[in-house]
Amino acid sequence: MKTEPLPSPCISICQIDPASGLCVGCYRTRSEIASWRSLTWDEQKALIHTLHDRQSETTGRSRRSRRRGRA
């Protein structure tokens, strides 16, 4: 299990969309933003995958496939 925290998915475009409740930059909810530092590595990794899916749903762009050998 990894112990080093992952970098925040924040891209410094911090604005919450009132309709969706998601940040327009990183696609996190306010509670996900607030809890990022207290999440385990596995929880952070799972949330990042969720954020990629949300971005794909919102923008209509498909998610890039993973490179071989990466989790």
N, C-alpha and C. Protein backbone atom coordinates (compact mmCIF):
# COMPACT_ATOMS: atom_id res chain seq x y z
N MET A 1 0.84 -1.18 0.00
CA MET A 1 0.00 0.00 0.00
C MET A 1 0.89 1.24 0.00
N LYS A 2 0.49 2.22 -0.74
CA LYS A 2 1.23 3.47 -0.83
C LYS A 2 0.91 4.35 0.38
N THR A 3 1.89 5.10 0.84
CA THR A 3 1.65 6.00 1.96
C THR A 3 1.84 7.46 1.57
N GLU A 4 2.57 7.72 0.49
CA GLU A 4 2.79 9.08 0.02
C GLU A 4 1.50 9.62 -0.59
N PRO A 5 1.00 10.77 -0.12
CA PRO A 5 -0.25 11.30 -0.69
C PRO A 5 -0.06 11.71 -2.14
N LEU A 6 -1.11 11.57 -2.89
CA LEU A 6 -1.09 12.00 -4.29
C LEU A 6 -1.22 13.52 -4.36
N PRO A 7 -0.71 14.13 -5.43
CA PRO A 7 -0.90 15.58 -5.57
C PRO A 7 -2.38 15.90 -5.76
N SER A 8 -2.78 17.03 -5.30
CA SER A 8 -4.17 17.46 -5.43
C SER A 8 -4.55 17.58 -6.90
N PRO A 9 -5.79 17.21 -7.26
CA PRO A 9 -6.23 17.37 -8.64
C PRO A 9 -6.57 18.82 -9.00
N CYS A 10 -6.42 19.73 -8.07
CA CYS A 10 -6.72 21.14 -8.31
C CYS A 10 -5.85 21.68 -9.45
N ILE A 11 -6.48 22.41 -10.39
CA ILE A 11 -5.74 23.03 -11.48
C ILE A 11 -5.85 24.55 -11.41
N SER A 12 -6.18 25.06 -10.23
CA SER A 12 -6.26 26.51 -9.95
C SER A 12 -7.32 27.23 -10.78
N ILE A 13 -8.38 26.52 -11.13
CA ILE A 13 -9.57 27.14 -11.71
C ILE A 13 -10.68 26.82 -10.73
N CYS A 14 -10.73 27.58 -9.65
CA CYS A 14 -11.58 27.24 -8.52
C CYS A 14 -12.89 28.02 -8.58
N GLN A 15 -13.90 27.38 -9.15
CA GLN A 15 -15.22 27.99 -9.25
C GLN A 15 -16.24 26.86 -9.23
N ILE A 16 -17.17 26.93 -8.29
CA ILE A 16 -18.20 25.91 -8.17
C ILE A 16 -19.36 26.26 -9.09
N ASP A 17 -19.72 25.33 -9.95
CA ASP A 17 -20.88 25.50 -10.83
C ASP A 17 -22.13 25.33 -9.99
N PRO A 18 -23.00 26.35 -9.93
CA PRO A 18 -24.18 26.25 -9.07
C PRO A 18 -25.15 25.14 -9.50
N ALA A 19 -25.20 24.82 -10.77
CA ALA A 19 -26.13 23.80 -11.24
C ALA A 19 -25.69 22.39 -10.84
N SER A 20 -24.40 22.11 -11.00
CA SER A 20 -23.92 20.75 -10.72
C SER A 20 -23.32 20.61 -9.32
N GLY A 21 -22.86 21.72 -8.74
CA GLY A 21 -22.18 21.66 -7.45
C GLY A 21 -20.74 21.20 -7.57
N LEU A 22 -20.21 21.14 -8.79
CA LEU A 22 -18.85 20.67 -9.03
C LEU A 22 -17.94 21.85 -9.37
N CYS A 23 -16.68 21.74 -9.00
CA CYS A 23 -15.69 22.73 -9.39
C CYS A 23 -15.49 22.62 -10.91
N VAL A 24 -15.49 23.74 -11.60
CA VAL A 24 -15.34 23.71 -13.05
C VAL A 24 -13.91 23.37 -13.47
N GLY A 25 -12.96 23.43 -12.54
CA GLY A 25 -11.57 23.09 -12.85
C GLY A 25 -11.24 21.64 -12.62
N CYS A 26 -11.60 21.12 -11.45
CA CYS A 26 -11.18 19.76 -11.09
C CYS A 26 -12.34 18.77 -10.98
N TYR A 27 -13.57 19.24 -11.06
CA TYR A 27 -14.78 18.40 -11.03
C TYR A 27 -15.04 17.76 -9.67
N ARG A 28 -14.47 18.33 -8.60
CA ARG A 28 -14.76 17.84 -7.26
C ARG A 28 -15.90 18.63 -6.64
N THR A 29 -16.60 17.99 -5.70
CA THR A 29 -17.59 18.69 -4.89
C THR A 29 -16.86 19.45 -3.79
N ARG A 30 -17.57 20.33 -3.12
CA ARG A 30 -16.96 21.06 -1.99
C ARG A 30 -16.47 20.09 -0.91
N SER A 31 -17.24 19.07 -0.61
CA SER A 31 -16.83 18.13 0.44
C SER A 31 -15.61 17.32 0.00
N GLU A 32 -15.52 16.98 -1.27
CA GLU A 32 -14.34 16.26 -1.76
C GLU A 32 -13.10 17.14 -1.71
N ILE A 33 -13.26 18.41 -2.00
CA ILE A 33 -12.14 19.36 -1.92
C ILE A 33 -11.67 19.46 -0.47
N ALA A 34 -12.63 19.60 0.45
CA ALA A 34 -12.30 19.77 1.87
C ALA A 34 -11.66 18.52 2.47
N SER A 35 -12.04 17.35 1.99
CA SER A 35 -11.55 16.12 2.60
C SER A 35 -10.31 15.53 1.93
N TRP A 36 -9.83 16.14 0.85
CA TRP A 36 -8.72 15.55 0.07
C TRP A 36 -7.54 15.13 0.94
N ARG A 37 -7.07 16.01 1.79
CA ARG A 37 -5.87 15.73 2.58
C ARG A 37 -6.06 14.61 3.61
N SER A 38 -7.30 14.34 4.00
CA SER A 38 -7.54 13.29 5.00
C SER A 38 -7.83 11.93 4.35
N LEU A 39 -7.90 11.85 3.03
CA LEU A 39 -8.17 10.59 2.36
C LEU A 39 -6.90 9.73 2.31
N THR A 40 -7.09 8.43 2.32
CA THR A 40 -5.97 7.52 2.15
C THR A 40 -5.53 7.56 0.69
N TRP A 41 -4.36 6.98 0.41
CA TRP A 41 -3.85 6.94 -0.96
C TRP A 41 -4.85 6.23 -1.88
N ASP A 42 -5.40 5.11 -1.42
CA ASP A 42 -6.38 4.36 -2.22
C ASP A 42 -7.64 5.19 -2.47
N GLU A 43 -8.09 5.91 -1.46
CA GLU A 43 -9.27 6.76 -1.63
C GLU A 43 -9.00 7.91 -2.60
N GLN A 44 -7.80 8.50 -2.50
CA GLN A 44 -7.43 9.57 -3.44
C GLN A 44 -7.39 9.03 -4.87
N LYS A 45 -6.80 7.87 -5.05
CA LYS A 45 -6.70 7.26 -6.39
C LYS A 45 -8.09 6.98 -6.94
N ALA A 46 -8.98 6.45 -6.12
CA ALA A 46 -10.35 6.17 -6.55
C ALA A 46 -11.07 7.46 -6.93
N LEU A 47 -10.86 8.51 -6.13
CA LEU A 47 -11.50 9.79 -6.43
C LEU A 47 -10.98 10.36 -7.75
N ILE A 48 -9.70 10.23 -8.00
CA ILE A 48 -9.14 10.73 -9.27
C ILE A 48 -9.80 10.01 -10.45
N HIS A 49 -10.01 8.71 -10.34
CA HIS A 49 -10.69 7.97 -11.41
C HIS A 49 -12.13 8.49 -11.57
N THR A 50 -12.80 8.75 -10.46
CA THR A 50 -14.16 9.30 -10.50
C THR A 50 -14.16 10.67 -11.18
N LEU A 51 -13.16 11.49 -10.88
CA LEU A 51 -13.09 12.83 -11.48
C LEU A 51 -12.88 12.75 -12.98
N HIS A 52 -12.08 11.80 -13.44
CA HIS A 52 -11.90 11.62 -14.89
C HIS A 52 -13.22 11.23 -15.54
N ASP A 53 -13.98 10.36 -14.88
CA ASP A 53 -15.28 9.96 -15.41
C ASP A 53 -16.25 11.14 -15.45
N ARG A 54 -16.26 11.94 -14.38
CA ARG A 54 -17.13 13.13 -14.35
C ARG A 54 -16.77 14.10 -15.46
N GLN A 55 -15.48 14.30 -15.67
CA GLN A 55 -15.04 15.21 -16.72
C GLN A 55 -15.49 14.69 -18.09
N SER A 56 -15.37 13.39 -18.31
CA SER A 56 -15.81 12.80 -19.58
C SER A 56 -17.30 12.99 -19.78
N GLU A 57 -18.08 12.77 -18.73
CA GLU A 57 -19.53 12.94 -18.82
C GLU A 57 -19.91 14.39 -19.10
N THR A 58 -19.21 15.31 -18.46
CA THR A 58 -19.52 16.73 -18.57
C THR A 58 -19.11 17.31 -19.92
N THR A 59 -17.93 16.92 -20.39
CA THR A 59 -17.39 17.52 -21.62
C THR A 59 -17.70 16.72 -22.87
N GLY A 60 -18.08 15.46 -22.69
CA GLY A 60 -18.34 14.60 -23.85
C GLY A 60 -17.07 14.02 -24.44
N ARG A 61 -15.94 14.30 -23.83
CA ARG A 61 -14.67 13.74 -24.29
C ARG A 61 -14.43 12.42 -23.59
N SER A 62 -13.99 11.43 -24.34
CA SER A 62 -13.76 10.13 -23.72
C SER A 62 -12.48 10.15 -22.90
N ARG A 63 -12.49 9.31 -21.91
CA ARG A 63 -11.34 9.20 -21.02
C ARG A 63 -10.22 8.47 -21.73
N ARG A 64 -9.00 8.98 -21.58
CA ARG A 64 -7.85 8.33 -22.19
C ARG A 64 -7.62 6.97 -21.54
N SER A 65 -7.18 6.02 -22.33
CA SER A 65 -6.87 4.71 -21.76
C SER A 65 -5.58 4.80 -20.97
N ARG A 66 -5.45 3.91 -20.02
CA ARG A 66 -4.26 3.89 -19.16
C ARG A 66 -3.09 3.29 -19.92
N ARG A 67 -1.91 3.72 -19.54
CA ARG A 67 -0.70 3.14 -20.10
C ARG A 67 -0.47 1.78 -19.48
N ARG A 68 0.22 0.92 -20.21
CA ARG A 68 0.53 -0.39 -19.68
C ARG A 68 1.39 -0.27 -18.42
N GLY A 69 1.11 -1.14 -17.46
CA GLY A 69 1.92 -1.18 -16.25
C GLY A 69 1.54 -0.17 -15.19
N ARG A 70 0.57 0.65 -15.45
CA ARG A 70 0.15 1.64 -14.45
C ARG A 70 -1.14 1.18 -13.79
N ALA A 71 -1.31 1.57 -12.56
CA ALA A 71 -2.51 1.18 -11.79
C ALA A 71 -3.66 2.09 -12.12
